[in-house]
Amino acid sequence: MNYRNGFLAAAAVIGLSVAALPAHAHPGKGGGFPPPGGPGACMPGGHGGSMSMLEGLDLTKQQRKKIDTILREAHDQDHADDMRDESSKIHQQIQDILTTPGPVDKDKIATLQQQQATLRAQAEARHLEVASRIHDVLTADQLAQVKARQAKIHDLMEQLREVEHPAPPASDK
Protein backbone atom coordinates (compact mmCIF):
# COMPACT_ATOMS: atom_id res chain seq x y z
CA MET A 1 0.00 0.00 0.00
CA ASN A 2 1.30 3.45 -0.84
CA TYR A 3 0.96 5.37 2.43
CA ARG A 4 1.38 8.73 0.70
CA ASN A 5 -2.09 8.04 -0.69
CA GLY A 6 -3.18 6.47 2.59
CA PHE A 7 -4.26 9.65 4.34
CA LEU A 8 -7.59 11.27 4.60
CA ALA A 9 -7.54 14.74 6.01
CA ALA A 10 -11.05 14.51 7.35
CA ALA A 11 -9.62 14.05 10.77
CA ALA A 12 -7.42 17.12 10.34
CA VAL A 13 -10.35 19.29 11.20
CA ILE A 14 -10.87 17.08 14.23
CA GLY A 15 -7.29 16.81 15.34
CA LEU A 16 -5.22 14.95 12.74
CA SER A 17 -2.52 16.30 10.53
CA VAL A 18 -3.44 16.80 6.91
CA ALA A 19 -2.01 14.46 4.38
CA ALA A 20 -3.07 12.95 1.09
CA LEU A 21 -6.52 11.57 0.60
CA PRO A 22 -6.46 7.79 0.25
CA ALA A 23 -7.43 6.48 -3.11
CA HIS A 24 -8.99 3.55 -1.30
CA ALA A 25 -10.78 5.27 1.61
CA HIS A 26 -14.13 4.76 0.01
CA PRO A 27 -16.53 2.42 1.76
CA GLY A 28 -15.63 -1.24 1.70
CA LYS A 29 -17.82 -3.94 0.25
CA GLY A 30 -21.27 -3.86 1.72
CA GLY A 31 -21.02 -0.15 2.53
CA GLY A 32 -19.09 -0.68 5.76
CA PHE A 33 -15.83 0.83 6.86
CA PRO A 34 -12.57 -1.00 6.27
CA PRO A 35 -11.40 -3.38 8.97
CA PRO A 36 -8.74 -2.28 11.47
CA GLY A 37 -5.28 -2.40 9.92
CA GLY A 38 -6.70 -2.31 6.40
CA PRO A 39 -6.79 0.58 3.95
CA GLY A 40 -7.25 3.84 5.79
CA ALA A 41 -5.98 2.42 9.07
CA CYS A 42 -3.90 4.64 11.28
CA MET A 43 -0.29 3.62 10.95
CA PRO A 44 2.75 4.50 13.08
CA GLY A 45 4.46 7.69 12.06
CA GLY A 46 1.21 9.57 11.60
CA HIS A 47 0.20 7.70 8.47
CA GLY A 48 -3.48 6.93 8.40
CA GLY A 49 -6.87 8.15 7.56
CA SER A 50 -10.10 9.18 9.09
CA MET A 51 -11.62 5.77 8.52
CA SER A 52 -9.68 4.32 11.42
CA MET A 53 -10.56 7.38 13.46
CA LEU A 54 -14.24 6.70 12.82
CA GLU A 55 -13.96 3.08 13.90
CA GLY A 56 -15.49 2.51 17.29
CA LEU A 57 -17.84 5.47 16.98
CA ASP A 58 -21.49 4.66 17.31
CA LEU A 59 -22.52 6.08 13.95
CA THR A 60 -26.13 5.98 12.95
CA LYS A 61 -27.10 4.39 9.63
CA GLN A 62 -27.79 7.87 8.34
CA GLN A 63 -24.32 9.10 9.38
CA ARG A 64 -22.68 6.06 7.77
CA LYS A 65 -24.59 6.66 4.57
CA LYS A 66 -23.60 10.34 4.48
CA ILE A 67 -19.93 9.57 5.18
CA ASP A 68 -19.94 6.77 2.60
CA THR A 69 -21.30 9.23 0.04
CA ILE A 70 -18.73 11.90 0.93
CA LEU A 71 -15.84 9.43 0.67
CA ARG A 72 -17.14 7.87 -2.54
CA GLU A 73 -17.45 11.31 -4.16
CA ALA A 74 -13.93 12.26 -3.02
CA HIS A 75 -12.57 8.94 -4.29
CA ASP A 76 -14.29 9.37 -7.65
CA GLN A 77 -13.02 12.95 -7.92
CA ASP A 78 -9.47 11.86 -7.14
CA HIS A 79 -9.58 9.24 -9.87
CA ALA A 80 -11.14 11.67 -12.34
CA ASP A 81 -8.42 14.26 -11.76
CA ASP A 82 -5.47 11.88 -12.05
CA MET A 83 -3.46 14.13 -9.73
CA ARG A 84 -1.45 11.15 -8.54
CA ASP A 85 -0.43 10.34 -12.10
CA GLU A 86 0.59 13.93 -12.71
CA SER A 87 2.58 14.03 -9.47
CA SER A 88 4.24 10.74 -10.35
CA LYS A 89 5.22 12.07 -13.78
CA ILE A 90 6.75 15.17 -12.20
CA HIS A 91 8.66 13.02 -9.73
CA GLN A 92 9.96 10.89 -12.59
CA GLN A 93 11.06 14.00 -14.50
CA ILE A 94 13.04 15.14 -11.48
CA GLN A 95 14.61 11.69 -11.16
CA ASP A 96 15.51 11.76 -14.85
CA ILE A 97 17.23 15.13 -14.46
CA LEU A 98 19.15 13.93 -11.42
CA THR A 99 20.31 10.72 -13.11
CA THR A 100 21.32 12.21 -16.45
CA PRO A 101 25.07 12.78 -16.90
CA GLY A 102 26.18 16.37 -17.12
CA PRO A 103 25.16 19.51 -15.27
CA VAL A 104 21.91 19.38 -13.30
CA ASP A 105 19.26 21.77 -14.65
CA LYS A 106 18.40 23.36 -11.31
CA ASP A 107 15.96 25.80 -12.91
CA LYS A 108 13.97 22.91 -14.40
CA ILE A 109 13.98 21.12 -11.05
CA ALA A 110 12.74 24.30 -9.33
CA THR A 111 9.92 24.58 -11.87
CA LEU A 112 8.96 20.94 -11.32
CA GLN A 113 9.07 21.38 -7.53
CA GLN A 114 6.70 24.33 -7.86
CA GLN A 115 4.34 22.18 -9.92
CA GLN A 116 4.47 19.51 -7.19
CA ALA A 117 3.76 22.11 -4.51
CA THR A 118 0.77 23.35 -6.48
CA LEU A 119 -0.61 19.82 -6.80
CA ARG A 120 -0.14 19.22 -3.07
CA ALA A 121 -1.90 22.48 -2.22
CA GLN A 122 -4.83 21.60 -4.47
CA ALA A 123 -5.08 18.14 -2.92
CA GLU A 124 -4.90 19.55 0.60
CA ALA A 125 -7.66 22.05 -0.16
CA ARG A 126 -9.87 19.24 -1.45
CA HIS A 127 -9.05 17.10 1.57
CA LEU A 128 -9.98 19.88 3.92
CA GLU A 129 -13.29 20.21 2.13
CA VAL A 130 -13.91 16.48 2.66
CA ALA A 131 -12.81 16.84 6.28
CA SER A 132 -15.23 19.68 6.79
CA ARG A 133 -18.08 17.70 5.29
CA ILE A 134 -17.37 14.68 7.52
CA HIS A 135 -16.95 16.93 10.54
CA ASP A 136 -20.43 18.31 9.91
CA VAL A 137 -21.90 14.78 9.96
CA LEU A 138 -20.49 13.94 13.40
CA THR A 139 -21.99 14.99 16.71
CA ALA A 140 -20.07 17.00 19.30
CA ASP A 141 -19.72 13.83 21.41
CA GLN A 142 -18.35 11.87 18.46
CA LEU A 143 -15.86 14.63 17.69
CA ALA A 144 -14.75 14.57 21.34
CA GLN A 145 -14.28 10.79 21.12
CA VAL A 146 -12.17 11.14 18.00
CA LYS A 147 -10.11 13.90 19.60
CA ALA A 148 -9.51 11.81 22.73
CA ARG A 149 -8.51 8.80 20.63
CA GLN A 150 -6.12 10.92 18.59
CA ALA A 151 -4.57 12.32 21.79
CA LYS A 152 -3.95 8.75 23.00
CA ILE A 153 -2.38 7.83 19.67
CA HIS A 154 -0.19 10.94 19.80
CA ASP A 155 0.95 10.09 23.33
CA LEU A 156 1.74 6.50 22.32
CA MET A 157 3.68 7.70 19.27
CA GLU A 158 5.67 10.05 21.50
CA GLN A 159 6.44 7.16 23.87
CA LEU A 160 7.55 5.06 20.91
CA ARG A 161 9.78 7.87 19.66
CA GLU A 162 11.36 8.15 23.10
CA VAL A 163 12.02 4.39 23.16
CA GLU A 164 13.45 4.38 19.64
CA HIS A 165 15.56 7.52 20.20
CA PRO A 166 16.40 7.74 23.90
CA ALA A 167 18.05 10.82 25.29
CA PRO A 168 21.80 10.43 25.79
CA PRO A 169 22.93 9.59 29.31
CA ALA A 170 23.58 12.59 31.56
CA SER A 171 27.33 11.92 31.42
CA ASP A 172 27.34 12.51 27.62
CA LYS A 173 25.87 16.00 27.89
C-alpha atoms as a PDB file:
ATOM      1  CA  MET A   1       0.000   0.000   0.000  1.00  0.00           C
ATOM      2  CA  ASN A   2       1.296   3.452  -0.845  1.00  0.00           C
ATOM      3  CA  TYR A   3       0.961   5.373   2.431  1.00  0.00           C
ATOM      4  CA  ARG A   4       1.378   8.732   0.696  1.00  0.00           C
ATOM      5  CA  ASN A   5      -2.086   8.044  -0.688  1.00  0.00           C
ATOM      6  CA  GLY A   6      -3.183   6.474   2.594  1.00  0.00           C
ATOM      7  CA  PHE A   7      -4.257   9.655   4.344  1.00  0.00           C
ATOM      8  CA  LEU A   8      -7.591  11.275   4.598  1.00  0.00           C
ATOM      9  CA  ALA A   9      -7.545  14.741   6.011  1.00  0.00           C
ATOM     10  CA  ALA A  10     -11.054  14.509   7.346  1.00  0.00           C
ATOM     11  CA  ALA A  11      -9.622  14.046  10.774  1.00  0.00           C
ATOM     12  CA  ALA A  12      -7.420  17.123  10.344  1.00  0.00           C
ATOM     13  CA  VAL A  13     -10.348  19.289  11.203  1.00  0.00           C
ATOM     14  CA  ILE A  14     -10.872  17.083  14.229  1.00  0.00           C
ATOM     15  CA  GLY A  15      -7.289  16.806  15.338  1.00  0.00           C
ATOM     16  CA  LEU A  16      -5.221  14.953  12.743  1.00  0.00           C
ATOM     17  CA  SER A  17      -2.515  16.302  10.527  1.00  0.00           C
ATOM     18  CA  VAL A  18      -3.442  16.796   6.913  1.00  0.00           C
ATOM     19  CA  ALA A  19      -2.005  14.461   4.383  1.00  0.00           C
ATOM     20  CA  ALA A  20      -3.067  12.951   1.094  1.00  0.00           C
ATOM     21  CA  LEU A  21      -6.519  11.571   0.598  1.00  0.00           C
ATOM     22  CA  PRO A  22      -6.460   7.790   0.253  1.00  0.00           C
ATOM     23  CA  ALA A  23      -7.432   6.484  -3.107  1.00  0.00           C
ATOM     24  CA  HIS A  24      -8.986   3.553  -1.296  1.00  0.00           C
ATOM     25  CA  ALA A  25     -10.777   5.266   1.605  1.00  0.00           C
ATOM     26  CA  HIS A  26     -14.133   4.756   0.006  1.00  0.00           C
ATOM     27  CA  PRO A  27     -16.533   2.419   1.758  1.00  0.00           C
ATOM     28  CA  GLY A  28     -15.633  -1.235   1.705  1.00  0.00           C
ATOM     29  CA  LYS A  29     -17.820  -3.945   0.246  1.00  0.00           C
ATOM     30  CA  GLY A  30     -21.270  -3.859   1.718  1.00  0.00           C
ATOM     31  CA  GLY A  31     -21.025  -0.148   2.527  1.00  0.00           C
ATOM     32  CA  GLY A  32     -19.087  -0.683   5.757  1.00  0.00           C
ATOM     33  CA  PHE A  33     -15.832   0.828   6.862  1.00  0.00           C
ATOM     34  CA  PRO A  34     -12.567  -1.001   6.268  1.00  0.00           C
ATOM     35  CA  PRO A  35     -11.395  -3.379   8.966  1.00  0.00           C
ATOM     36  CA  PRO A  36      -8.738  -2.280  11.471  1.00  0.00           C
ATOM     37  CA  GLY A  37      -5.283  -2.397   9.916  1.00  0.00           C
ATOM     38  CA  GLY A  38      -6.699  -2.305   6.396  1.00  0.00           C
ATOM     39  CA  PRO A  39      -6.791   0.580   3.951  1.00  0.00           C
ATOM     40  CA  GLY A  40      -7.252   3.843   5.785  1.00  0.00           C
ATOM     41  CA  ALA A  41      -5.977   2.424   9.068  1.00  0.00           C
ATOM     42  CA  CYS A  42      -3.901   4.641  11.279  1.00  0.00           C
ATOM     43  CA  MET A  43      -0.287   3.618  10.950  1.00  0.00           C
ATOM     44  CA  PRO A  44       2.748   4.498  13.078  1.00  0.00           C
ATOM     45  CA  GLY A  45       4.462   7.690  12.061  1.00  0.00           C
ATOM     46  CA  GLY A  46       1.210   9.569  11.597  1.00  0.00           C
ATOM     47  CA  HIS A  47       0.200   7.698   8.474  1.00  0.00           C
ATOM     48  CA  GLY A  48      -3.477   6.932   8.398  1.00  0.00           C
ATOM     49  CA  GLY A  49      -6.870   8.151   7.560  1.00  0.00           C
ATOM     50  CA  SER A  50     -10.100   9.176   9.086  1.00  0.00           C
ATOM     51  CA  MET A  51     -11.618   5.768   8.517  1.00  0.00           C
ATOM     52  CA  SER A  52      -9.677   4.322  11.419  1.00  0.00           C
ATOM     53  CA  MET A  53     -10.557   7.376  13.464  1.00  0.00           C
ATOM     54  CA  LEU A  54     -14.238   6.701  12.823  1.00  0.00           C
ATOM     55  CA  GLU A  55     -13.963   3.084  13.902  1.00  0.00           C
ATOM     56  CA  GLY A  56     -15.488   2.512  17.295  1.00  0.00           C
ATOM     57  CA  LEU A  57     -17.838   5.470  16.984  1.00  0.00           C
ATOM     58  CA  ASP A  58     -21.489   4.662  17.308  1.00  0.00           C
ATOM     59  CA  LEU A  59     -22.517   6.083  13.947  1.00  0.00           C
ATOM     60  CA  THR A  60     -26.131   5.977  12.947  1.00  0.00           C
ATOM     61  CA  LYS A  61     -27.095   4.392   9.635  1.00  0.00           C
ATOM     62  CA  GLN A  62     -27.787   7.874   8.336  1.00  0.00           C
ATOM     63  CA  GLN A  63     -24.321   9.097   9.380  1.00  0.00           C
ATOM     64  CA  ARG A  64     -22.676   6.059   7.775  1.00  0.00           C
ATOM     65  CA  LYS A  65     -24.595   6.656   4.572  1.00  0.00           C
ATOM     66  CA  LYS A  66     -23.602  10.338   4.478  1.00  0.00           C
ATOM     67  CA  ILE A  67     -19.935   9.573   5.177  1.00  0.00           C
ATOM     68  CA  ASP A  68     -19.936   6.769   2.600  1.00  0.00           C
ATOM     69  CA  THR A  69     -21.296   9.228   0.037  1.00  0.00           C
ATOM     70  CA  ILE A  70     -18.727  11.899   0.925  1.00  0.00           C
ATOM     71  CA  LEU A  71     -15.844   9.432   0.666  1.00  0.00           C
ATOM     72  CA  ARG A  72     -17.137   7.867  -2.536  1.00  0.00           C
ATOM     73  CA  GLU A  73     -17.453  11.308  -4.157  1.00  0.00           C
ATOM     74  CA  ALA A  74     -13.935  12.255  -3.025  1.00  0.00           C
ATOM     75  CA  HIS A  75     -12.567   8.945  -4.292  1.00  0.00           C
ATOM     76  CA  ASP A  76     -14.286   9.369  -7.649  1.00  0.00           C
ATOM     77  CA  GLN A  77     -13.021  12.952  -7.917  1.00  0.00           C
ATOM     78  CA  ASP A  78      -9.465  11.864  -7.143  1.00  0.00           C
ATOM     79  CA  HIS A  79      -9.578   9.243  -9.871  1.00  0.00           C
ATOM     80  CA  ALA A  80     -11.143  11.668 -12.343  1.00  0.00           C
ATOM     81  CA  ASP A  81      -8.420  14.264 -11.762  1.00  0.00           C
ATOM     82  CA  ASP A  82      -5.471  11.877 -12.055  1.00  0.00           C
ATOM     83  CA  MET A  83      -3.464  14.132  -9.725  1.00  0.00           C
ATOM     84  CA  ARG A  84      -1.447  11.148  -8.539  1.00  0.00           C
ATOM     85  CA  ASP A  85      -0.432  10.336 -12.101  1.00  0.00           C
ATOM     86  CA  GLU A  86       0.595  13.932 -12.713  1.00  0.00           C
ATOM     87  CA  SER A  87       2.585  14.028  -9.468  1.00  0.00           C
ATOM     88  CA  SER A  88       4.242  10.738 -10.346  1.00  0.00           C
ATOM     89  CA  LYS A  89       5.219  12.073 -13.776  1.00  0.00           C
ATOM     90  CA  ILE A  90       6.747  15.175 -12.197  1.00  0.00           C
ATOM     91  CA  HIS A  91       8.663  13.018  -9.729  1.00  0.00           C
ATOM     92  CA  GLN A  92       9.960  10.892 -12.591  1.00  0.00           C
ATOM     93  CA  GLN A  93      11.057  14.000 -14.504  1.00  0.00           C
ATOM     94  CA  ILE A  94      13.037  15.142 -11.476  1.00  0.00           C
ATOM     95  CA  GLN A  95      14.614  11.691 -11.161  1.00  0.00           C
ATOM     96  CA  ASP A  96      15.512  11.757 -14.852  1.00  0.00           C
ATOM     97  CA  ILE A  97      17.228  15.128 -14.465  1.00  0.00           C
ATOM     98  CA  LEU A  98      19.153  13.928 -11.420  1.00  0.00           C
ATOM     99  CA  THR A  99      20.313  10.723 -13.107  1.00  0.00           C
ATOM    100  CA  THR A 100      21.324  12.214 -16.445  1.00  0.00           C
ATOM    101  CA  PRO A 101      25.072  12.780 -16.905  1.00  0.00           C
ATOM    102  CA  GLY A 102      26.179  16.372 -17.125  1.00  0.00           C
ATOM    103  CA  PRO A 103      25.162  19.505 -15.270  1.00  0.00           C
ATOM    104  CA  VAL A 104      21.914  19.381 -13.299  1.00  0.00           C
ATOM    105  CA  ASP A 105      19.257  21.766 -14.653  1.00  0.00           C
ATOM    106  CA  LYS A 106      18.397  23.364 -11.313  1.00  0.00           C
ATOM    107  CA  ASP A 107      15.957  25.798 -12.912  1.00  0.00           C
ATOM    108  CA  LYS A 108      13.974  22.912 -14.401  1.00  0.00           C
ATOM    109  CA  ILE A 109      13.980  21.124 -11.045  1.00  0.00           C
ATOM    110  CA  ALA A 110      12.743  24.300  -9.328  1.00  0.00           C
ATOM    111  CA  THR A 111       9.921  24.582 -11.865  1.00  0.00           C
ATOM    112  CA  LEU A 112       8.958  20.938 -11.316  1.00  0.00           C
ATOM    113  CA  GLN A 113       9.072  21.384  -7.534  1.00  0.00           C
ATOM    114  CA  GLN A 114       6.704  24.330  -7.857  1.00  0.00           C
ATOM    115  CA  GLN A 115       4.341  22.175  -9.916  1.00  0.00           C
ATOM    116  CA  GLN A 116       4.469  19.506  -7.190  1.00  0.00           C
ATOM    117  CA  ALA A 117       3.764  22.106  -4.509  1.00  0.00           C
ATOM    118  CA  THR A 118       0.766  23.354  -6.475  1.00  0.00           C
ATOM    119  CA  LEU A 119      -0.614  19.824  -6.804  1.00  0.00           C
ATOM    120  CA  ARG A 120      -0.143  19.222  -3.072  1.00  0.00           C
ATOM    121  CA  ALA A 121      -1.896  22.481  -2.216  1.00  0.00           C
ATOM    122  CA  GLN A 122      -4.825  21.598  -4.470  1.00  0.00           C
ATOM    123  CA  ALA A 123      -5.079  18.139  -2.921  1.00  0.00           C
ATOM    124  CA  GLU A 124      -4.903  19.554   0.598  1.00  0.00           C
ATOM    125  CA  ALA A 125      -7.662  22.051  -0.158  1.00  0.00           C
ATOM    126  CA  ARG A 126      -9.868  19.236  -1.446  1.00  0.00           C
ATOM    127  CA  HIS A 127      -9.046  17.099   1.567  1.00  0.00           C
ATOM    128  CA  LEU A 128      -9.975  19.880   3.924  1.00  0.00           C
ATOM    129  CA  GLU A 129     -13.292  20.209   2.126  1.00  0.00           C
ATOM    130  CA  VAL A 130     -13.906  16.481   2.656  1.00  0.00           C
ATOM    131  CA  ALA A 131     -12.813  16.839   6.285  1.00  0.00           C
ATOM    132  CA  SER A 132     -15.231  19.680   6.793  1.00  0.00           C
ATOM    133  CA  ARG A 133     -18.078  17.699   5.294  1.00  0.00           C
ATOM    134  CA  ILE A 134     -17.367  14.682   7.516  1.00  0.00           C
ATOM    135  CA  HIS A 135     -16.948  16.932  10.538  1.00  0.00           C
ATOM    136  CA  ASP A 136     -20.428  18.306   9.911  1.00  0.00           C
ATOM    137  CA  VAL A 137     -21.901  14.776   9.961  1.00  0.00           C
ATOM    138  CA  LEU A 138     -20.486  13.936  13.402  1.00  0.00           C
ATOM    139  CA  THR A 139     -21.987  14.992  16.712  1.00  0.00           C
ATOM    140  CA  ALA A 140     -20.071  16.999  19.302  1.00  0.00           C
ATOM    141  CA  ASP A 141     -19.721  13.829  21.415  1.00  0.00           C
ATOM    142  CA  GLN A 142     -18.346  11.865  18.455  1.00  0.00           C
ATOM    143  CA  LEU A 143     -15.855  14.627  17.692  1.00  0.00           C
ATOM    144  CA  ALA A 144     -14.751  14.573  21.338  1.00  0.00           C
ATOM    145  CA  GLN A 145     -14.276  10.791  21.121  1.00  0.00           C
ATOM    146  CA  VAL A 146     -12.169  11.144  17.998  1.00  0.00           C
ATOM    147  CA  LYS A 147     -10.110  13.901  19.603  1.00  0.00           C
ATOM    148  CA  ALA A 148      -9.508  11.806  22.731  1.00  0.00           C
ATOM    149  CA  ARG A 149      -8.512   8.799  20.633  1.00  0.00           C
ATOM    150  CA  GLN A 150      -6.120  10.922  18.593  1.00  0.00           C
ATOM    151  CA  ALA A 151      -4.569  12.319  21.786  1.00  0.00           C
ATOM    152  CA  LYS A 152      -3.954   8.753  23.001  1.00  0.00           C
ATOM    153  CA  ILE A 153      -2.376   7.835  19.665  1.00  0.00           C
ATOM    154  CA  HIS A 154      -0.195  10.944  19.800  1.00  0.00           C
ATOM    155  CA  ASP A 155       0.946  10.087  23.329  1.00  0.00           C
ATOM    156  CA  LEU A 156       1.741   6.503  22.315  1.00  0.00           C
ATOM    157  CA  MET A 157       3.679   7.698  19.270  1.00  0.00           C
ATOM    158  CA  GLU A 158       5.668  10.049  21.503  1.00  0.00           C
ATOM    159  CA  GLN A 159       6.440   7.160  23.869  1.00  0.00           C
ATOM    160  CA  LEU A 160       7.549   5.057  20.906  1.00  0.00           C
ATOM    161  CA  ARG A 161       9.780   7.867  19.658  1.00  0.00           C
ATOM    162  CA  GLU A 162      11.363   8.152  23.104  1.00  0.00           C
ATOM    163  CA  VAL A 163      12.019   4.391  23.162  1.00  0.00           C
ATOM    164  CA  GLU A 164      13.454   4.382  19.642  1.00  0.00           C
ATOM    165  CA  HIS A 165      15.559   7.520  20.199  1.00  0.00           C
ATOM    166  CA  PRO A 166      16.396   7.738  23.901  1.00  0.00           C
ATOM    167  CA  ALA A 167      18.049  10.818  25.294  1.00  0.00           C
ATOM    168  CA  PRO A 168      21.795  10.427  25.786  1.00  0.00           C
ATOM    169  CA  PRO A 169      22.932   9.587  29.312  1.00  0.00           C
ATOM    170  CA  ALA A 170      23.579  12.593  31.555  1.00  0.00           C
ATOM    171  CA  SER A 171      27.325  11.924  31.418  1.00  0.00           C
ATOM    172  CA  ASP A 172      27.342  12.509  27.618  1.00  0.00           C
ATOM    173  CA  LYS A 173      25.868  15.999  27.886  1.00  0.00           C
END
